[in-house]
């Protein structure tokens, strides 16, 4: 079967949000809830997890993040008074094709797990 582009309709069925721009920062918003963000920027990206008073994600919200082949680094930061929990405190994605998951498990508390490495 020949390679073909994935249509917008097919992406919508996958609940996949593609972020393909030169932005160096991304603040999570309600439309990101229970979706997959596919980061294809060719630069470093910082993803900020907001305080519930700014963006009130429901408890149980998940956000999957996939690092495309061109993104040089993807880091997560928590807004003030937000706890971002991860094994060993890692908040940097491991590199091209890494996948991580954010899960909100309490107000202003998120679990980050997956392909993470220590920040250098």
PDB file of N, CA and C in Angstrom:
ATOM      1  N   UNK A   1       0.846  -1.179   0.000  1.00  0.00           N
ATOM      2  CA  UNK A   1       0.000   0.000   0.000  1.00  0.00           C
ATOM      3  C   UNK A   1       0.890   1.240   0.000  1.00  0.00           C
ATOM      4  N   UNK A   2       0.609   2.182  -0.852  1.00  0.00           N
ATOM      5  CA  UNK A   2       1.407   3.409  -0.959  1.00  0.00           C
ATOM      6  C   UNK A   2       1.177   4.304   0.246  1.00  0.00           C
ATOM      7  N   UNK A   3       2.230   5.050   0.609  1.00  0.00           N
ATOM      8  CA  UNK A   3       2.087   6.028   1.682  1.00  0.00           C
ATOM      9  C   UNK A   3       1.128   7.122   1.250  1.00  0.00           C
ATOM     10  N   UNK A   4       0.333   7.618   2.197  1.00  0.00           N
ATOM     11  CA  UNK A   4      -0.554   8.725   1.889  1.00  0.00           C
ATOM     12  C   UNK A   4      -0.690   9.593   3.121  1.00  0.00           C
ATOM     13  N   UNK A   5      -1.071  10.830   2.911  1.00  0.00           N
ATOM     14  CA  UNK A   5      -1.250  11.761   4.006  1.00  0.00           C
ATOM     15  C   UNK A   5      -2.462  11.345   4.825  1.00  0.00           C
ATOM     16  N   UNK A   6      -2.392  11.573   6.127  1.00  0.00           N
ATOM     17  CA  UNK A   6      -3.536  11.311   6.990  1.00  0.00           C
ATOM     18  C   UNK A   6      -4.452  12.521   6.906  1.00  0.00           C
ATOM     19  N   UNK A   7      -5.711  12.299   6.642  1.00  0.00           N
ATOM     20  CA  UNK A   7      -6.649  13.410   6.478  1.00  0.00           C
ATOM     21  C   UNK A   7      -7.006  14.018   7.831  1.00  0.00           C
ATOM     22  N   UNK A   8      -7.507  15.256   7.803  1.00  0.00           N
ATOM     23  CA  UNK A   8      -7.975  15.909   9.023  1.00  0.00           C
ATOM     24  C   UNK A   8      -9.084  15.091   9.674  1.00  0.00           C
ATOM     25  N   UNK A   9      -9.938  14.476   8.853  1.00  0.00           N
ATOM     26  CA  UNK A   9     -11.014  13.640   9.387  1.00  0.00           C
ATOM     27  C   UNK A   9     -10.447  12.462  10.160  1.00  0.00           C
ATOM     28  N   UNK A  10      -9.429  11.817   9.618  1.00  0.00           N
ATOM     29  CA  UNK A  10      -8.810  10.675  10.297  1.00  0.00           C
ATOM     30  C   UNK A  10      -8.126  11.110  11.584  1.00  0.00           C
ATOM     31  N   UNK A  11      -7.476  12.284  11.579  1.00  0.00           N
ATOM     32  CA  UNK A  11      -6.860  12.803  12.800  1.00  0.00           C
ATOM     33  C   UNK A  11      -7.919  13.066  13.858  1.00  0.00           C
ATOM     34  N   UNK A  12      -9.058  13.614  13.451  1.00  0.00           N
ATOM     35  CA  UNK A  12     -10.134  13.891  14.399  1.00  0.00           C
ATOM     36  C   UNK A  12     -10.642  12.594  15.032  1.00  0.00           C
ATOM     37  N   UNK A  13     -10.739  11.529  14.258  1.00  0.00           N
ATOM     38  CA  UNK A  13     -11.177  10.247  14.804  1.00  0.00           C
ATOM     39  C   UNK A  13     -10.205   9.746  15.873  1.00  0.00           C
ATOM     40  N   UNK A  14      -8.920  10.065  15.710  1.00  0.00           N
ATOM     41  CA  UNK A  14      -7.900   9.656  16.678  1.00  0.00           C
ATOM     42  C   UNK A  14      -7.827  10.599  17.871  1.00  0.00           C
ATOM     43  N   UNK A  15      -8.593  11.701  17.825  1.00  0.00           N
ATOM     44  CA  UNK A  15      -8.539  12.727  18.857  1.00  0.00           C
ATOM     45  C   UNK A  15      -7.107  13.240  19.002  1.00  0.00           C
ATOM     46  N   UNK A  16      -6.484  13.529  17.875  1.00  0.00           N
ATOM     47  CA  UNK A  16      -5.092  13.940  17.814  1.00  0.00           C
ATOM     48  C   UNK A  16      -5.005  15.403  17.426  1.00  0.00           C
ATOM     49  N   UNK A  17      -4.350  16.186  18.256  1.00  0.00           N
ATOM     50  CA  UNK A  17      -4.125  17.591  17.963  1.00  0.00           C
ATOM     51  C   UNK A  17      -2.693  17.738  17.493  1.00  0.00           C
ATOM     52  N   UNK A  18      -2.492  18.256  16.300  1.00  0.00           N
ATOM     53  CA  UNK A  18      -1.152  18.438  15.764  1.00  0.00           C
ATOM     54  C   UNK A  18      -0.724  19.874  16.002  1.00  0.00           C
ATOM     55  N   UNK A  19       0.401  20.058  16.639  1.00  0.00           N
ATOM     56  CA  UNK A  19       0.947  21.391  16.864  1.00  0.00           C
ATOM     57  C   UNK A  19       2.201  21.491  16.021  1.00  0.00           C
ATOM     58  N   UNK A  20       2.118  22.241  14.964  1.00  0.00           N
ATOM     59  CA  UNK A  20       3.219  22.345  14.015  1.00  0.00           C
ATOM     60  C   UNK A  20       3.521  23.811  13.776  1.00  0.00           C
ATOM     61  N   UNK A  21       4.299  24.407  14.658  1.00  0.00           N
ATOM     62  CA  UNK A  21       4.667  25.810  14.487  1.00  0.00           C
ATOM     63  C   UNK A  21       5.993  26.055  15.189  1.00  0.00           C
ATOM     64  N   UNK A  22       6.434  27.276  15.178  1.00  0.00           N
ATOM     65  CA  UNK A  22       7.740  27.617  15.730  1.00  0.00           C
ATOM     66  C   UNK A  22       7.668  28.091  17.180  1.00  0.00           C
ATOM     67  N   UNK A  23       6.520  27.953  17.833  1.00  0.00           N
ATOM     68  CA  UNK A  23       6.373  28.410  19.214  1.00  0.00           C
ATOM     69  C   UNK A  23       7.336  27.676  20.131  1.00  0.00           C
ATOM     70  N   UNK A  24       7.832  28.393  21.100  1.00  0.00           N
ATOM     71  CA  UNK A  24       8.724  27.776  22.076  1.00  0.00           C
ATOM     72  C   UNK A  24       8.000  27.475  23.373  1.00  0.00           C
ATOM     73  N   UNK A  25       6.730  27.885  23.487  1.00  0.00           N
ATOM     74  CA  UNK A  25       5.987  27.588  24.701  1.00  0.00           C
ATOM     75  C   UNK A  25       4.545  27.244  24.359  1.00  0.00           C
ATOM     76  N   UNK A  26       3.972  26.400  25.192  1.00  0.00           N
ATOM     77  CA  UNK A  26       2.601  25.956  25.010  1.00  0.00           C
ATOM     78  C   UNK A  26       1.958  25.880  26.378  1.00  0.00           C
ATOM     79  N   UNK A  27       0.933  26.687  26.605  1.00  0.00           N
ATOM     80  CA  UNK A  27       0.147  26.585  27.827  1.00  0.00           C
ATOM     81  C   UNK A  27      -1.037  25.678  27.561  1.00  0.00           C
ATOM     82  N   UNK A  28      -1.224  24.689  28.417  1.00  0.00           N
ATOM     83  CA  UNK A  28      -2.323  23.753  28.207  1.00  0.00           C
ATOM     84  C   UNK A  28      -3.661  24.442  28.407  1.00  0.00           C
ATOM     85  N   UNK A  29      -4.629  24.112  27.546  1.00  0.00           N
ATOM     86  CA  UNK A  29      -5.972  24.678  27.599  1.00  0.00           C
ATOM     87  C   UNK A  29      -6.993  23.543  27.571  1.00  0.00           C
ATOM     88  N   UNK A  30      -8.249  23.861  27.892  1.00  0.00           N
ATOM     89  CA  UNK A  30      -9.273  22.819  28.010  1.00  0.00           C
ATOM     90  C   UNK A  30      -9.425  21.961  26.762  1.00  0.00           C
ATOM     91  N   UNK A  31      -9.214  22.535  25.596  1.00  0.00           N
ATOM     92  CA  UNK A  31      -9.363  21.729  24.377  1.00  0.00           C
ATOM     93  C   UNK A  31      -8.278  20.661  24.244  1.00  0.00           C
ATOM     94  N   UNK A  32      -7.236  20.731  25.064  1.00  0.00           N
ATOM     95  CA  UNK A  32      -6.204  19.692  25.060  1.00  0.00           C
ATOM     96  C   UNK A  32      -6.613  18.470  25.896  1.00  0.00           C
ATOM     97  N   UNK A  33      -7.660  18.616  26.717  1.00  0.00           N
ATOM     98  CA  UNK A  33      -8.080  17.522  27.608  1.00  0.00           C
ATOM     99  C   UNK A  33      -8.426  16.277  26.804  1.00  0.00           C
ATOM    100  N   UNK A  34      -7.893  15.149  27.247  1.00  0.00           N
ATOM    101  CA  UNK A  34      -8.192  13.843  26.671  1.00  0.00           C
ATOM    102  C   UNK A  34      -7.882  13.766  25.180  1.00  0.00           C
ATOM    103  N   UNK A  35      -6.785  14.421  24.794  1.00  0.00           N
ATOM    104  CA  UNK A  35      -6.313  14.373  23.411  1.00  0.00           C
ATOM    105  C   UNK A  35      -4.840  13.978  23.395  1.00  0.00           C
ATOM    106  N   UNK A  36      -4.320  13.874  22.201  1.00  0.00           N
ATOM    107  CA  UNK A  36      -2.893  13.654  21.999  1.00  0.00           C
ATOM    108  C   UNK A  36      -2.322  14.870  21.290  1.00  0.00           C
ATOM    109  N   UNK A  37      -1.283  15.458  21.860  1.00  0.00           N
ATOM    110  CA  UNK A  37      -0.575  16.561  21.219  1.00  0.00           C
ATOM    111  C   UNK A  37       0.635  15.986  20.511  1.00  0.00           C
ATOM    112  N   UNK A  38       0.744  16.239  19.248  1.00  0.00           N
ATOM    113  CA  UNK A  38       1.878  15.766  18.456  1.00  0.00           C
ATOM    114  C   UNK A  38       2.711  16.989  18.125  1.00  0.00           C
ATOM    115  N   UNK A  39       3.862  17.121  18.773  1.00  0.00           N
ATOM    116  CA  UNK A  39       4.713  18.300  18.621  1.00  0.00           C
ATOM    117  C   UNK A  39       5.691  18.075  17.482  1.00  0.00           C
ATOM    118  N   UNK A  40       5.610  18.910  16.463  1.00  0.00           N
ATOM    119  CA  UNK A  40       6.468  18.752  15.301  1.00  0.00           C
ATOM    120  C   UNK A  40       7.340  19.974  15.043  1.00  0.00           C
ATOM    121  N   UNK A  41       7.379  20.895  15.988  1.00  0.00           N
ATOM    122  CA  UNK A  41       8.244  22.066  15.848  1.00  0.00           C
ATOM    123  C   UNK A  41       9.688  21.610  15.753  1.00  0.00           C
ATOM    124  N   UNK A  42      10.519  22.367  15.031  1.00  0.00           N
ATOM    125  CA  UNK A  42      11.926  21.981  14.920  1.00  0.00           C
ATOM    126  C   UNK A  42      12.789  22.633  15.992  1.00  0.00           C
ATOM    127  N   UNK A  43      12.172  23.199  17.020  1.00  0.00           N
ATOM    128  CA  UNK A  43      12.915  23.814  18.117  1.00  0.00           C
ATOM    129  C   UNK A  43      12.497  23.235  19.451  1.00  0.00           C
ATOM    130  N   UNK A  44      13.035  23.802  20.517  1.00  0.00           N
ATOM    131  CA  UNK A  44      12.674  23.389  21.868  1.00  0.00           C
ATOM    132  C   UNK A  44      11.299  23.939  22.230  1.00  0.00           C
ATOM    133  N   UNK A  45      10.547  23.162  23.001  1.00  0.00           N
ATOM    134  CA  UNK A  45       9.205  23.554  23.413  1.00  0.00           C
ATOM    135  C   UNK A  45       9.078  23.369  24.917  1.00  0.00           C
ATOM    136  N   UNK A  46       8.492  24.357  25.587  1.00  0.00           N
ATOM    137  CA  UNK A  46       8.169  24.240  27.009  1.00  0.00           C
ATOM    138  C   UNK A  46       6.662  24.197  27.144  1.00  0.00           C
ATOM    139  N   UNK A  47       6.168  23.160  27.820  1.00  0.00           N
ATOM    140  CA  UNK A  47       4.730  22.992  28.045  1.00  0.00           C
ATOM    141  C   UNK A  47       4.451  23.348  29.499  1.00  0.00           C
ATOM    142  N   UNK A  48       3.536  24.311  29.702  1.00  0.00           N
ATOM    143  CA  UNK A  48       3.186  24.744  31.055  1.00  0.00           C
ATOM    144  C   UNK A  48       1.862  24.129  31.477  1.00  0.00           C
ATOM    145  N   UNK A  49       1.880  23.491  32.652  1.00  0.00           N
ATOM    146  CA  UNK A  49       0.671  22.923  33.251  1.00  0.00           C
ATOM    147  C   UNK A  49       0.067  24.018  34.130  1.00  0.00           C
ATOM    148  N   UNK A  50      -1.141  24.504  33.798  1.00  0.00           N
ATOM    149  CA  UNK A  50      -1.695  25.667  34.489  1.00  0.00           C
ATOM    150  C   UNK A  50      -2.336  25.352  35.838  1.00  0.00           C
ATOM    151  N   UNK A  51      -2.485  26.377  36.637  1.00  0.00           N
ATOM    152  CA  UNK A  51      -3.210  26.291  37.904  1.00  0.00           C
ATOM    153  C   UNK A  51      -4.701  26.140  37.609  1.00  0.00           C
ATOM    154  N   UNK A  52      -5.412  25.431  38.479  1.00  0.00           N
ATOM    155  CA  UNK A  52      -6.845  25.209  38.279  1.00  0.00           C
ATOM    156  C   UNK A  52      -7.658  26.497  38.235  1.00  0.00           C
ATOM    157  N   UNK A  53      -7.169  27.549  38.867  1.00  0.00           N
ATOM    158  CA  UNK A  53      -7.901  28.814  38.821  1.00  0.00           C
ATOM    159  C   UNK A  53      -7.812  29.455  37.438  1.00  0.00           C
ATOM    160  N   UNK A  54      -6.834  29.036  36.642  1.00  0.00           N
ATOM    161  CA  UNK A  54      -6.662  29.561  35.286  1.00  0.00           C
ATOM    162  C   UNK A  54      -7.370  28.677  34.272  1.00  0.00           C
ATOM    163  N   UNK A  55      -7.101  27.377  34.332  1.00  0.00           N
ATOM    164  CA  UNK A  55      -7.740  26.390  33.456  1.00  0.00           C
ATOM    165  C   UNK A  55      -8.147  25.223  34.348  1.00  0.00           C
ATOM    166  N   UNK A  56      -9.443  25.022  34.510  1.00  0.00           N
ATOM    167  CA  UNK A  56      -9.935  24.021  35.456  1.00  0.00           C
ATOM    168  C   UNK A  56     -10.226  22.691  34.762  1.00  0.00           C
ATOM    169  N   UNK A  57      -9.150  21.932  34.509  1.00  0.00           N
ATOM    170  CA  UNK A  57      -9.318  20.593  33.945  1.00  0.00           C
ATOM    171  C   UNK A  57     -10.023  19.713  34.974  1.00  0.00           C
ATOM    172  N   UNK A  58     -10.959  18.880  34.545  1.00  0.00           N
ATOM    173  CA  UNK A  58     -11.585  17.947  35.485  1.00  0.00           C
ATOM    174  C   UNK A  58     -10.565  16.917  35.991  1.00  0.00           C
ATOM    175  N   UNK A  59     -10.740  16.468  37.213  1.00  0.00           N
ATOM    176  CA  UNK A  59      -9.915  15.382  37.736  1.00  0.00           C
ATOM    177  C   UNK A  59     -10.114  14.169  36.831  1.00  0.00           C
ATOM    178  N   UNK A  60      -9.010  13.518  36.495  1.00  0.00           N
ATOM    179  CA  UNK A  60      -9.048  12.380  35.582  1.00  0.00           C
ATOM    180  C   UNK A  60      -8.678  12.740  34.152  1.00  0.00           C
ATOM    181  N   UNK A  61      -8.510  14.026  33.881  1.00  0.00           N
ATOM    182  CA  UNK A  61      -8.101  14.454  32.546  1.00  0.00           C
ATOM    183  C   UNK A  61      -6.755  13.837  32.193  1.00  0.00           C
ATOM    184  N   UNK A  62      -6.626  13.385  30.959  1.00  0.00           N
ATOM    185  CA  UNK A  62      -5.344  12.898  30.457  1.00  0.00           C
ATOM    186  C   UNK A  62      -4.964  13.698  29.215  1.00  0.00           C
ATOM    187  N   UNK A  63      -3.676  13.909  29.068  1.00  0.00           N
ATOM    188  CA  UNK A  63      -3.141  14.556  27.874  1.00  0.00           C
ATOM    189  C   UNK A  63      -1.893  13.790  27.478  1.00  0.00           C
ATOM    190  N   UNK A  64      -1.929  13.171  26.311  1.00  0.00           N
ATOM    191  CA  UNK A  64      -0.766  12.447  25.802  1.00  0.00           C
ATOM    192  C   UNK A  64       0.023  13.410  24.926  1.00  0.00           C
ATOM    193  N   UNK A  65       1.354  13.348  25.030  1.00  0.00           N
ATOM    194  CA  UNK A  65       2.219  14.207  24.226  1.00  0.00           C
ATOM    195  C   UNK A  65       3.214  13.327  23.484  1.00  0.00           C
ATOM    196  N   UNK A  66       3.274  13.510  22.161  1.00  0.00           N
ATOM    197  CA  UNK A  66       4.221  12.784  21.319  1.00  0.00           C
ATOM    198  C   UNK A  66       5.214  13.786  20.762  1.00  0.00           C
ATOM    199  N   UNK A  67       6.488  13.480  20.899  1.00  0.00           N
ATOM    200  CA  UNK A  67       7.539  14.361  20.384  1.00  0.00           C
ATOM    201  C   UNK A  67       7.920  13.896  18.992  1.00  0.00           C
ATOM    202  N   UNK A  68       7.633  14.753  18.004  1.00  0.00           N
ATOM    203  CA  UNK A  68       7.972  14.420  16.628  1.00  0.00           C
ATOM    204  C   UNK A  68       9.470  14.344  16.423  1.00  0.00           C
ATOM    205  N   UNK A  69       9.862  13.941  15.265  1.00  0.00           N
ATOM    206  CA  UNK A  69      11.270  13.725  14.970  1.00  0.00           C
ATOM    207  C   UNK A  69      12.118  14.973  14.913  1.00  0.00           C
ATOM    208  N   UNK A  70      11.503  16.142  14.734  1.00  0.00           N
ATOM    209  CA  UNK A  70      12.291  17.363  14.592  1.00  0.00           C
ATOM    210  C   UNK A  70      12.441  18.160  15.882  1.00  0.00           C
ATOM    211  N   UNK A  71      11.551  17.976  16.842  1.00  0.00           N
ATOM    212  CA  UNK A  71      11.624  18.760  18.077  1.00  0.00           C
ATOM    213  C   UNK A  71      12.915  18.423  18.810  1.00  0.00           C
ATOM    214  N   UNK A  72      13.682  19.451  19.163  1.00  0.00           N
ATOM    215  CA  UNK A  72      14.977  19.206  19.796  1.00  0.00           C
ATOM    216  C   UNK A  72      14.853  18.910  21.283  1.00  0.00           C
ATOM    217  N   UNK A  73      13.888  19.503  21.951  1.00  0.00           N
ATOM    218  CA  UNK A  73      13.682  19.241  23.373  1.00  0.00           C
ATOM    219  C   UNK A  73      12.268  19.657  23.745  1.00  0.00           C
ATOM    220  N   UNK A  74      11.627  18.850  24.594  1.00  0.00           N
ATOM    221  CA  UNK A  74      10.318  19.192  25.122  1.00  0.00           C
ATOM    222  C   UNK A  74      10.405  19.062  26.634  1.00  0.00           C
ATOM    223  N   UNK A  75      10.127  20.167  27.329  1.00  0.00           N
ATOM    224  CA  UNK A  75      10.179  20.220  28.786  1.00  0.00           C
ATOM    225  C   UNK A  75       8.824  20.628  29.333  1.00  0.00           C
ATOM    226  N   UNK A  76       8.502  20.121  30.518  1.00  0.00           N
ATOM    227  CA  UNK A  76       7.256  20.462  31.201  1.00  0.00           C
ATOM    228  C   UNK A  76       7.575  21.304  32.421  1.00  0.00           C
ATOM    229  N   UNK A  77       6.762  22.329  32.656  1.00  0.00           N
ATOM    230  CA  UNK A  77       6.877  23.145  33.865  1.00  0.00           C
ATOM    231  C   UNK A  77       5.489  23.288  34.464  1.00  0.00           C
ATOM    232  N   UNK A  78       5.452  23.413  35.769  1.00  0.00           N
ATOM    233  CA  UNK A  78       4.187  23.613  36.473  1.00  0.00           C
ATOM    234  C   UNK A  78       4.045  25.081  36.826  1.00  0.00           C
ATOM    235  N   UNK A  79       2.830  25.604  36.662  1.00  0.00           N
ATOM    236  CA  UNK A  79       2.550  26.966  37.100  1.00  0.00           C
ATOM    237  C   UNK A  79       2.700  27.034  38.625  1.00  0.00           C
ATOM    238  N   UNK A  80       2.748  28.237  39.141  1.00  0.00           N
ATOM    239  CA  UNK A  80       2.901  28.424  40.585  1.00  0.00           C
ATOM    240  C   UNK A  80       1.787  27.683  41.331  1.00  0.00           C
ATOM    241  N   UNK A  81       2.171  26.991  42.396  1.00  0.00           N
ATOM    242  CA  UNK A  81       1.270  26.217  43.259  1.00  0.00           C
ATOM    243  C   UNK A  81       0.637  25.015  42.571  1.00  0.00           C
ATOM    244  N   UNK A  82       1.279  24.520  41.525  1.00  0.00           N
ATOM    245  CA  UNK A  82       0.858  23.291  40.859  1.00  0.00           C
ATOM    246  C   UNK A  82       1.957  22.260  41.070  1.00  0.00           C
ATOM    247  N   UNK A  83       1.566  21.048  41.433  1.00  0.00           N
ATOM    248  CA  UNK A  83       2.519  19.958  41.631  1.00  0.00           C
ATOM    249  C   UNK A  83       2.532  19.070  40.386  1.00  0.00           C
ATOM    250  N   UNK A  84       3.721  18.903  39.824  1.00  0.00           N
ATOM    251  CA  UNK A  84       3.913  18.027  38.678  1.00  0.00           C
ATOM    252  C   UNK A  84       4.762  16.858  39.163  1.00  0.00           C
ATOM    253  N   UNK A  85       4.152  15.708  39.329  1.00  0.00           N
ATOM    254  CA  UNK A  85       4.816  14.531  39.902  1.00  0.00           C
ATOM    255  C   UNK A  85       5.323  13.627  38.783  1.00  0.00           C
ATOM    256  N   UNK A  86       6.557  13.171  38.921  1.00  0.00           N
ATOM    257  CA  UNK A  86       7.106  12.210  37.968  1.00  0.00           C
ATOM    258  C   UNK A  86       8.202  11.414  38.663  1.00  0.00           C
ATOM    259  N   UNK A  87       8.476  10.247  38.124  1.00  0.00           N
ATOM    260  CA  UNK A  87       9.534   9.411  38.682  1.00  0.00           C
ATOM    261  C   UNK A  87      10.856  10.172  38.614  1.00  0.00           C
ATOM    262  N   UNK A  88      11.544  10.243  39.713  1.00  0.00           N
ATOM    263  CA  UNK A  88      12.845  10.912  39.838  1.00  0.00           C
ATOM    264  C   UNK A  88      12.770  12.408  39.530  1.00  0.00           C
ATOM    265  N   UNK A  89      11.557  12.961  39.428  1.00  0.00           N
ATOM    266  CA  UNK A  89      11.406  14.383  39.155  1.00  0.00           C
ATOM    267  C   UNK A  89      11.706  14.776  37.715  1.00  0.00           C
ATOM    268  N   UNK A  90      11.761  13.805  36.815  1.00  0.00           N
ATOM    269  CA  UNK A  90      12.083  14.087  35.416  1.00  0.00           C
ATOM    270  C   UNK A  90      10.922  14.810  34.736  1.00  0.00           C
ATOM    271  N   UNK A  91      11.254  15.848  33.966  1.00  0.00           N
ATOM    272  CA  UNK A  91      10.238  16.636  33.271  1.00  0.00           C
ATOM    273  C   UNK A  91      10.632  16.932  31.819  1.00  0.00           C
ATOM    274  N   UNK A  92      11.612  16.218  31.295  1.00  0.00           N
ATOM    275  CA  UNK A  92      12.077  16.418  29.921  1.00  0.00           C
ATOM    276  C   UNK A  92      11.811  15.152  29.120  1.00  0.00           C
ATOM    277  N   UNK A  93      11.211  15.317  27.935  1.00  0.00           N
ATOM    278  CA  UNK A  93      10.970  14.157  27.080  1.00  0.00           C
ATOM    279  C   UNK A  93      12.289  13.626  26.541  1.00  0.00           C
ATOM    280  N   UNK A  94      12.333  12.320  26.292  1.00  0.00           N
ATOM    281  CA  UNK A  94      13.579  11.623  25.982  1.00  0.00           C
ATOM    282  C   UNK A  94      14.128  11.891  24.588  1.00  0.00           C
ATOM    283  N   UNK A  95      13.366  12.491  23.700  1.00  0.00           N
ATOM    284  CA  UNK A  95      13.864  12.774  22.358  1.00  0.00           C
ATOM    285  C   UNK A  95      12.857  12.393  21.296  1.00  0.00           C
ATOM    286  N   UNK A  96      13.339  12.361  20.070  1.00  0.00           N
ATOM    287  CA  UNK A  96      12.459  12.074  18.939  1.00  0.00           C
ATOM    288  C   UNK A  96      11.658  10.799  19.163  1.00  0.00           C
ATOM    289  N   UNK A  97      10.373  10.900  18.936  1.00  0.00           N
ATOM    290  CA  UNK A  97       9.392   9.822  19.017  1.00  0.00           C
ATOM    291  C   UNK A  97       9.077   9.389  20.448  1.00  0.00           C
ATOM    292  N   UNK A  98       9.496  10.165  21.428  1.00  0.00           N
ATOM    293  CA  UNK A  98       9.124   9.889  22.817  1.00  0.00           C
ATOM    294  C   UNK A  98       7.635  10.192  23.007  1.00  0.00           C
ATOM    295  N   UNK A  99       7.017   9.470  23.949  1.00  0.00           N
ATOM    296  CA  UNK A  99       5.606   9.668  24.280  1.00  0.00           C
ATOM    297  C   UNK A  99       5.484   9.744  25.792  1.00  0.00           C
ATOM    298  N   UNK A 100       4.729  10.734  26.266  1.00  0.00           N
ATOM    299  CA  UNK A 100       4.457  10.859  27.700  1.00  0.00           C
ATOM    300  C   UNK A 100       2.965  11.092  27.908  1.00  0.00           C
ATOM    301  N   UNK A 101       2.544  10.916  29.151  1.00  0.00           N
ATOM    302  CA  UNK A 101       1.141  11.131  29.513  1.00  0.00           C
ATOM    303  C   UNK A 101       1.088  12.005  30.756  1.00  0.00           C
ATOM    304  N   UNK A 102       0.194  12.982  30.719  1.00  0.00           N
ATOM    305  CA  UNK A 102      -0.135  13.794  31.888  1.00  0.00           C
ATOM    306  C   UNK A 102      -1.501  13.340  32.389  1.00  0.00           C
ATOM    307  N   UNK A 103      -1.640  13.158  33.707  1.00  0.00           N
ATOM    308  CA  UNK A 103      -2.914  12.771  34.301  1.00  0.00           C
ATOM    309  C   UNK A 103      -3.172  13.684  35.494  1.00  0.00           C
ATOM    310  N   UNK A 104      -4.317  14.361  35.480  1.00  0.00           N
ATOM    311  CA  UNK A 104      -4.694  15.186  36.635  1.00  0.00           C
ATOM    312  C   UNK A 104      -5.385  14.282  37.631  1.00  0.00           C
ATOM    313  N   UNK A 105      -4.797  14.130  38.828  1.00  0.00           N
ATOM    314  CA  UNK A 105      -5.387  13.220  39.793  1.00  0.00           C
ATOM    315  C   UNK A 105      -5.936  13.918  41.027  1.00  0.00           C
ATOM    316  N   UNK A 106      -5.659  15.191  41.196  1.00  0.00           N
ATOM    317  CA  UNK A 106      -6.227  16.014  42.261  1.00  0.00           C
ATOM    318  C   UNK A 106      -6.176  17.455  41.784  1.00  0.00           C
ATOM    319  N   UNK A 107      -6.909  18.356  42.435  1.00  0.00           N
ATOM    320  CA  UNK A 107      -6.780  19.759  42.046  1.00  0.00           C
ATOM    321  C   UNK A 107      -5.311  20.199  42.135  1.00  0.00           C
ATOM    322  N   UNK A 108      -4.803  20.740  41.062  1.00  0.00           N
ATOM    323  CA  UNK A 108      -3.427  21.250  40.983  1.00  0.00           C
ATOM    324  C   UNK A 108      -2.356  20.196  41.224  1.00  0.00           C
ATOM    325  N   UNK A 109      -2.677  18.937  40.972  1.00  0.00           N
ATOM    326  CA  UNK A 109      -1.693  17.857  41.040  1.00  0.00           C
ATOM    327  C   UNK A 109      -1.817  16.986  39.803  1.00  0.00           C
ATOM    328  N   UNK A 110      -0.691  16.842  39.110  1.00  0.00           N
ATOM    329  CA  UNK A 110      -0.626  16.081  37.869  1.00  0.00           C
ATOM    330  C   UNK A 110       0.481  15.043  37.960  1.00  0.00           C
ATOM    331  N   UNK A 111       0.255  13.904  37.353  1.00  0.00           N
ATOM    332  CA  UNK A 111       1.279  12.880  37.193  1.00  0.00           C
ATOM    333  C   UNK A 111       1.787  12.941  35.759  1.00  0.00           C
ATOM    334  N   UNK A 112       3.101  12.937  35.595  1.00  0.00           N
ATOM    335  CA  UNK A 112       3.734  12.921  34.286  1.00  0.00           C
ATOM    336  C   UNK A 112       4.548  11.631  34.200  1.00  0.00           C
ATOM    337  N   UNK A 113       4.252  10.791  33.209  1.00  0.00           N
ATOM    338  CA  UNK A 113       5.002   9.542  33.080  1.00  0.00           C
ATOM    339  C   UNK A 113       5.209   9.191  31.612  1.00  0.00           C
ATOM    340  N   UNK A 114       6.192   8.362  31.380  1.00  0.00           N
ATOM    341  CA  UNK A 114       6.487   7.917  30.023  1.00  0.00           C
ATOM    342  C   UNK A 114       7.973   8.056  29.731  1.00  0.00           C
ATOM    343  N   UNK A 115       8.283   8.419  28.480  1.00  0.00           N
ATOM    344  CA  UNK A 115       9.674   8.524  28.021  1.00  0.00           C
ATOM    345  C   UNK A 115      10.286   9.840  28.479  1.00  0.00           C
ATOM    346  N   UNK A 116      10.777   9.845  29.720  1.00  0.00           N
ATOM    347  CA  UNK A 116      11.354  11.055  30.323  1.00  0.00           C
ATOM    348  C   UNK A 116      12.809  10.822  30.692  1.00  0.00           C
ATOM    349  N   UNK A 117      13.581  11.907  30.678  1.00  0.00           N
ATOM    350  CA  UNK A 117      14.982  11.843  31.077  1.00  0.00           C
ATOM    351  C   UNK A 117      15.296  13.026  31.991  1.00  0.00           C
ATOM    352  N   UNK A 118      16.450  12.957  32.634  1.00  0.00           N
ATOM    353  CA  UNK A 118      16.892  14.066  33.482  1.00  0.00           C
ATOM    354  C   UNK A 118      17.206  15.283  32.613  1.00  0.00           C
ATOM    355  N   UNK A 119      16.872  16.459  33.104  1.00  0.00           N
ATOM    356  CA  UNK A 119      17.208  17.687  32.389  1.00  0.00           C
ATOM    357  C   UNK A 119      18.711  17.895  32.468  1.00  0.00           C
ATOM    358  N   UNK A 120      19.287  18.365  31.375  1.00  0.00           N
ATOM    359  CA  UNK A 120      20.742  18.558  31.379  1.00  0.00           C
ATOM    360  C   UNK A 120      21.107  19.987  31.718  1.00  0.00           C
TER     361      UNK A 120
END
